[in-house]
C-alpha atoms as a PDB file:
ATOM      1  CA  MET A   1     -18.548  14.363-236.137  1.00  0.00           C
ATOM      2  CA  LEU A   2     -21.642  15.490-238.014  1.00  0.00           C
ATOM      3  CA  SER A   3     -22.138  14.129-241.498  1.00  0.00           C
ATOM      4  CA  LEU A   4     -23.785  16.656-243.807  1.00  0.00           C
ATOM      5  CA  GLU A   5     -24.260  13.931-246.404  1.00  0.00           C
ATOM      6  CA  ARG A   6     -26.084  11.702-243.921  1.00  0.00           C
ATOM      7  CA  ILE A   7     -28.245  14.599-242.711  1.00  0.00           C
ATOM      8  CA  LEU A   8     -29.244  15.531-246.267  1.00  0.00           C
ATOM      9  CA  ILE A   9     -29.972  11.965-247.375  1.00  0.00           C
ATOM     10  CA  ASP A  10     -31.867  10.947-244.240  1.00  0.00           C
ATOM     11  CA  GLY A  11     -33.525  14.366-244.007  1.00  0.00           C
ATOM     12  CA  GLY A  12     -34.688  14.041-247.603  1.00  0.00           C
ATOM     13  CA  LEU A  13     -36.107  10.608-246.844  1.00  0.00           C
ATOM     14  CA  LEU A  14     -37.893  11.925-243.739  1.00  0.00           C
ATOM     15  CA  VAL A  15     -39.321  14.920-245.615  1.00  0.00           C
ATOM     16  CA  THR A  16     -40.477  12.727-248.502  1.00  0.00           C
ATOM     17  CA  ILE A  17     -42.208  10.112-246.353  1.00  0.00           C
ATOM     18  CA  ILE A  18     -44.000  12.605-244.123  1.00  0.00           C
ATOM     19  CA  THR A  19     -44.982  14.859-247.032  1.00  0.00           C
ATOM     20  CA  VAL A  20     -46.482  11.910-248.906  1.00  0.00           C
ATOM     21  CA  LEU A  21     -48.451  10.926-245.790  1.00  0.00           C
ATOM     22  CA  ILE A  22     -49.747  14.485-245.367  1.00  0.00           C
ATOM     23  CA  LEU A  23     -50.759  14.812-249.019  1.00  0.00           C
ATOM     24  CA  ILE A  24     -52.535  11.454-248.982  1.00  0.00           C
ATOM     25  CA  SER A  25     -54.371  12.461-245.811  1.00  0.00           C
ATOM     26  CA  PHE A  26     -55.559  15.685-247.505  1.00  0.00           C
ATOM     27  CA  VAL A  27     -56.955  13.647-250.385  1.00  0.00           C
ATOM     28  CA  VAL A  28     -58.567  11.050-248.113  1.00  0.00           C
ATOM     29  CA  ASN A  29     -60.142  13.506-245.660  1.00  0.00           C
ATOM     30  CA  PRO A  30     -58.818  16.976-244.773  1.00  0.00           C
ATOM     31  CA  ARG A  31     -61.073  16.981-241.694  1.00  0.00           C
ATOM     32  CA  ILE A  32     -58.576  14.754-239.893  1.00  0.00           C
ATOM     33  CA  TRP A  33     -56.459  17.939-239.559  1.00  0.00           C
ATOM     34  CA  LEU A  34     -59.324  19.794-237.857  1.00  0.00           C
ATOM     35  CA  GLN A  35     -57.273  20.297-234.676  1.00  0.00           C
ATOM     36  CA  ASP A  36     -54.758  22.358-236.697  1.00  0.00           C
ATOM     37  CA  TYR A  37     -57.311  24.929-237.865  1.00  0.00           C
ATOM     38  CA  PRO A  38     -57.816  28.218-236.016  1.00  0.00           C
ATOM     39  CA  GLU A  39     -60.363  28.023-233.210  1.00  0.00           C
ATOM     40  CA  ALA A  40     -62.873  30.212-235.066  1.00  0.00           C
ATOM     41  CA  ILE A  41     -62.989  27.719-237.945  1.00  0.00           C
ATOM     42  CA  ARG A  42     -63.007  24.669-235.629  1.00  0.00           C
ATOM     43  CA  LYS A  43     -66.141  26.069-233.947  1.00  0.00           C
ATOM     44  CA  LEU A  44     -67.924  26.218-237.312  1.00  0.00           C
ATOM     45  CA  ALA A  45     -67.094  22.630-238.200  1.00  0.00           C
ATOM     46  CA  ALA A  46     -68.865  19.582-236.859  1.00  0.00           C
ATOM     47  CA  PRO A  47     -66.809  17.479-234.435  1.00  0.00           C
ATOM     48  CA  LEU A  48     -64.904  14.562-235.891  1.00  0.00           C
ATOM     49  CA  THR A  49     -67.013  11.451-236.297  1.00  0.00           C
ATOM     50  CA  PRO A  50     -65.784   8.123-234.902  1.00  0.00           C
ATOM     51  CA  ALA A  51     -64.819   7.094-238.456  1.00  0.00           C
ATOM     52  CA  GLU A  52     -62.802  10.303-238.898  1.00  0.00           C
ATOM     53  CA  LYS A  53     -61.073   9.748-235.565  1.00  0.00           C
ATOM     54  CA  ARG A  54     -60.052   6.281-236.816  1.00  0.00           C
ATOM     55  CA  GLN A  55     -58.732   7.837-240.027  1.00  0.00           C
ATOM     56  CA  GLN A  56     -56.800  10.349-237.936  1.00  0.00           C
ATOM     57  CA  ARG A  57     -55.160   7.537-235.950  1.00  0.00           C
ATOM     58  CA  ILE A  58     -54.433   5.573-239.135  1.00  0.00           C
ATOM     59  CA  PHE A  59     -52.435   8.518-240.496  1.00  0.00           C
ATOM     60  CA  MET A  60     -50.870   9.587-237.217  1.00  0.00           C
ATOM     61  CA  ILE A  61     -49.317   6.192-236.455  1.00  0.00           C
ATOM     62  CA  PRO A  62     -47.023   6.102-239.530  1.00  0.00           C
ATOM     63  CA  PHE A  63     -46.476   9.880-239.262  1.00  0.00           C
ATOM     64  CA  LEU A  64     -45.221   9.642-235.672  1.00  0.00           C
ATOM     65  CA  ALA A  65     -43.332   6.435-236.428  1.00  0.00           C
ATOM     66  CA  ALA A  66     -41.456   8.238-239.216  1.00  0.00           C
ATOM     67  CA  VAL A  67     -40.726  11.210-236.954  1.00  0.00           C
ATOM     68  CA  ILE A  68     -39.294   8.906-234.275  1.00  0.00           C
ATOM     69  CA  VAL A  69     -37.871   5.864-236.079  1.00  0.00           C
ATOM     70  CA  LEU A  70     -36.054   7.494-239.002  1.00  0.00           C
ATOM     71  CA  PRO A  71     -34.180  10.086-236.898  1.00  0.00           C
ATOM     72  CA  PHE A  72     -33.417   7.387-234.319  1.00  0.00           C
ATOM     73  CA  LEU A  73     -31.901   5.047-236.918  1.00  0.00           C
ATOM     74  CA  SER A  74     -29.986   7.867-238.577  1.00  0.00           C
ATOM     75  CA  THR A  75     -28.621   9.164-235.261  1.00  0.00           C
ATOM     76  CA  ARG A  76     -27.698   5.656-234.183  1.00  0.00           C
ATOM     77  CA  ALA A  77     -25.781   5.111-237.422  1.00  0.00           C
ATOM     78  CA  VAL A  78     -23.865   8.380-236.994  1.00  0.00           C
ATOM     79  CA  VAL A  79     -22.962   7.575-233.399  1.00  0.00           C
ATOM     80  CA  SER A  80     -21.885   4.033-234.328  1.00  0.00           C
ATOM     81  CA  GLN A  81     -19.760   5.086-237.301  1.00  0.00           C
ATOM     82  CA  ALA A  82     -18.031   8.041-235.652  1.00  0.00           C
ATOM     83  CA  ASP A  83     -18.105   6.860-232.035  1.00  0.00           C
ATOM     84  CA  ALA A  84     -19.707  10.223-231.344  1.00  0.00           C
ATOM     85  CA  GLY A  85     -20.951  11.542-228.041  1.00  0.00           C
ATOM     86  CA  PHE A  86     -24.219  12.999-226.826  1.00  0.00           C
ATOM     87  CA  GLY A  87     -23.609  16.440-228.366  1.00  0.00           C
ATOM     88  CA  THR A  88     -23.153  15.050-231.859  1.00  0.00           C
ATOM     89  CA  ALA A  89     -26.125  12.717-231.460  1.00  0.00           C
ATOM     90  CA  PHE A  90     -28.343  15.568-230.271  1.00  0.00           C
ATOM     91  CA  LEU A  91     -27.209  17.963-232.999  1.00  0.00           C
ATOM     92  CA  HIS A  92     -27.704  15.343-235.709  1.00  0.00           C
ATOM     93  CA  ALA A  93     -31.230  14.471-234.545  1.00  0.00           C
ATOM     94  CA  PHE A  94     -32.084  18.153-234.007  1.00  0.00           C
ATOM     95  CA  ILE A  95     -31.004  19.196-237.516  1.00  0.00           C
ATOM     96  CA  LEU A  96     -32.721  16.195-239.091  1.00  0.00           C
ATOM     97  CA  LEU A  97     -36.033  16.879-237.349  1.00  0.00           C
ATOM     98  CA  ASN A  98     -35.845  20.601-238.056  1.00  0.00           C
ATOM     99  CA  LEU A  99     -35.308  19.963-241.754  1.00  0.00           C
ATOM    100  CA  PHE A 100     -38.836  18.621-241.841  1.00  0.00           C
ATOM    101  CA  ASN A 101     -40.127  21.365-239.533  1.00  0.00           C
ATOM    102  CA  LEU A 102     -38.740  24.029-241.879  1.00  0.00           C
ATOM    103  CA  PHE A 103     -39.971  22.176-244.987  1.00  0.00           C
ATOM    104  CA  ASP A 104     -43.413  21.909-243.417  1.00  0.00           C
ATOM    105  CA  ALA A 105     -43.530  25.630-242.638  1.00  0.00           C
ATOM    106  CA  LEU A 106     -42.183  26.878-245.961  1.00  0.00           C
ATOM    107  CA  VAL A 107     -43.291  24.344-248.547  1.00  0.00           C
ATOM    108  CA  ILE A 108     -46.378  22.622-247.185  1.00  0.00           C
ATOM    109  CA  ASP A 109     -47.949  25.410-245.133  1.00  0.00           C
ATOM    110  CA  TRP A 110     -46.838  28.516-247.011  1.00  0.00           C
ATOM    111  CA  LEU A 111     -46.317  27.471-250.633  1.00  0.00           C
ATOM    112  CA  PHE A 112     -48.806  24.619-250.936  1.00  0.00           C
ATOM    113  CA  LEU A 113     -51.582  25.727-248.590  1.00  0.00           C
ATOM    114  CA  TRP A 114     -51.238  29.544-248.732  1.00  0.00           C
ATOM    115  CA  VAL A 115     -50.115  30.153-252.310  1.00  0.00           C
ATOM    116  CA  VAL A 116     -51.512  27.202-254.279  1.00  0.00           C
ATOM    117  CA  ARG A 117     -54.562  26.677-252.016  1.00  0.00           C
ATOM    118  CA  PRO A 118     -55.826  23.392-253.461  1.00  0.00           C
ATOM    119  CA  LYS A 119     -59.469  23.007-252.524  1.00  0.00           C
ATOM    120  CA  PHE A 120     -59.088  19.297-251.705  1.00  0.00           C
ATOM    121  CA  ALA A 121     -56.721  20.136-248.820  1.00  0.00           C
ATOM    122  CA  PHE A 122     -59.240  22.225-246.841  1.00  0.00           C
ATOM    123  CA  ILE A 123     -62.445  21.616-244.968  1.00  0.00           C
ATOM    124  CA  PRO A 124     -65.435  23.459-246.489  1.00  0.00           C
ATOM    125  CA  GLU A 125     -65.778  25.787-243.482  1.00  0.00           C
ATOM    126  CA  ALA A 126     -62.297  27.168-244.157  1.00  0.00           C
ATOM    127  CA  TRP A 127     -63.117  28.629-247.576  1.00  0.00           C
ATOM    128  CA  ALA A 128     -65.567  31.179-246.201  1.00  0.00           C
ATOM    129  CA  HIS A 129     -63.087  32.291-243.512  1.00  0.00           C
ATOM    130  CA  GLN A 130     -59.757  32.517-245.274  1.00  0.00           C
ATOM    131  CA  ASP A 131     -58.958  35.677-243.325  1.00  0.00           C
ATOM    132  CA  GLN A 132     -58.807  33.464-240.218  1.00  0.00           C
ATOM    133  CA  LEU A 133     -56.942  30.694-242.001  1.00  0.00           C
ATOM    134  CA  PHE A 134     -53.888  32.497-243.332  1.00  0.00           C
ATOM    135  CA  ARG A 135     -52.160  34.459-240.591  1.00  0.00           C
ATOM    136  CA  THR A 136     -48.397  34.838-240.582  1.00  0.00           C
ATOM    137  CA  ARG A 137     -48.149  35.245-236.807  1.00  0.00           C
ATOM    138  CA  ARG A 138     -49.975  31.946-236.199  1.00  0.00           C
ATOM    139  CA  GLU A 139     -47.788  30.145-238.729  1.00  0.00           C
ATOM    140  CA  ILE A 140     -44.591  31.455-237.155  1.00  0.00           C
ATOM    141  CA  GLY A 141     -45.932  30.345-233.768  1.00  0.00           C
ATOM    142  CA  ASN A 142     -46.601  26.876-235.176  1.00  0.00           C
ATOM    143  CA  TRP A 143     -43.079  26.734-236.588  1.00  0.00           C
ATOM    144  CA  LEU A 144     -41.627  27.753-233.203  1.00  0.00           C
ATOM    145  CA  LYS A 145     -43.713  25.062-231.481  1.00  0.00           C
ATOM    146  CA  GLY A 146     -42.185  22.663-233.979  1.00  0.00           C
ATOM    147  CA  VAL A 147     -38.694  23.810-232.989  1.00  0.00           C
ATOM    148  CA  VAL A 148     -39.520  23.080-229.342  1.00  0.00           C
ATOM    149  CA  PHE A 149     -40.932  19.658-230.283  1.00  0.00           C
ATOM    150  CA  CYS A 150     -37.807  18.924-232.367  1.00  0.00           C
ATOM    151  CA  THR A 151     -35.538  19.985-229.501  1.00  0.00           C
ATOM    152  CA  VAL A 152     -37.258  17.766-226.942  1.00  0.00           C
ATOM    153  CA  THR A 153     -37.488  14.838-229.352  1.00  0.00           C
ATOM    154  CA  ALA A 154     -33.810  15.221-230.330  1.00  0.00           C
ATOM    155  CA  LEU A 155     -32.790  15.250-226.644  1.00  0.00           C
ATOM    156  CA  ILE A 156     -34.720  12.042-226.016  1.00  0.00           C
ATOM    157  CA  LEU A 157     -33.450  10.336-229.177  1.00  0.00           C
ATOM    158  CA  ALA A 158     -29.834  11.315-228.447  1.00  0.00           C
ATOM    159  CA  ALA A 159     -30.097  10.067-224.876  1.00  0.00           C
ATOM    160  CA  VAL A 160     -31.589   6.735-225.976  1.00  0.00           C
ATOM    161  CA  VAL A 161     -28.980   6.273-228.714  1.00  0.00           C
ATOM    162  CA  ILE A 162     -26.106   6.993-226.298  1.00  0.00           C
ATOM    163  CA  VAL A 163     -27.510   4.732-223.591  1.00  0.00           C
ATOM    164  CA  ILE A 164     -28.066   1.721-225.868  1.00  0.00           C
ATOM    165  CA  ARG A 165     -24.815   1.944-227.809  1.00  0.00           C
END
C-alpha cells in the first residue's frame, strides 16, 4: 500500500537535494546548463570548454545519483515494509520522481527563472534574447519529457526493487 507520509518525506528530501545542486550550479557556472537553452541562444554562445564540461559532469553525477538512489531506497523500503507488489513499487517511484518534476517546472523554471530572473542563473547571451528564453509551450514540453523520463525510470526502479527483494 502506498504511504503518503513516506512519499512526502522522501519527495521533500529529493526536491531539496536536487534544488540545492541546481542552485549551486547556477552560482558556479550557469553555462553548464547550455544544453537546456533554446537552440537560437545555444548558437549565440560559445561551445562549452573542457573545464566547463568537467564542471557539468561534476554536477551531473550527484544529480543523477539523487534521482536514482533516493527513489530506489524509498521504493525498496515501501516494498519491504508492506510486502507490496510491482504496481505499488512503480506508483511510489513514479509519484516520488514526479514530485521533483513538478517542483522543477513550477518553482525552479517558472517562479525562480521566469518571475524572479536572477542574473547569476543565466548565460549572458540569454539576456538579449529573453523572447526566445521564456516560452510556455517549450516549458510544458520539457515538463512532459520529464513525465516520460519519470515513467521509464519508475518502471526500471520498480522492476529492480521487486527482483532483488
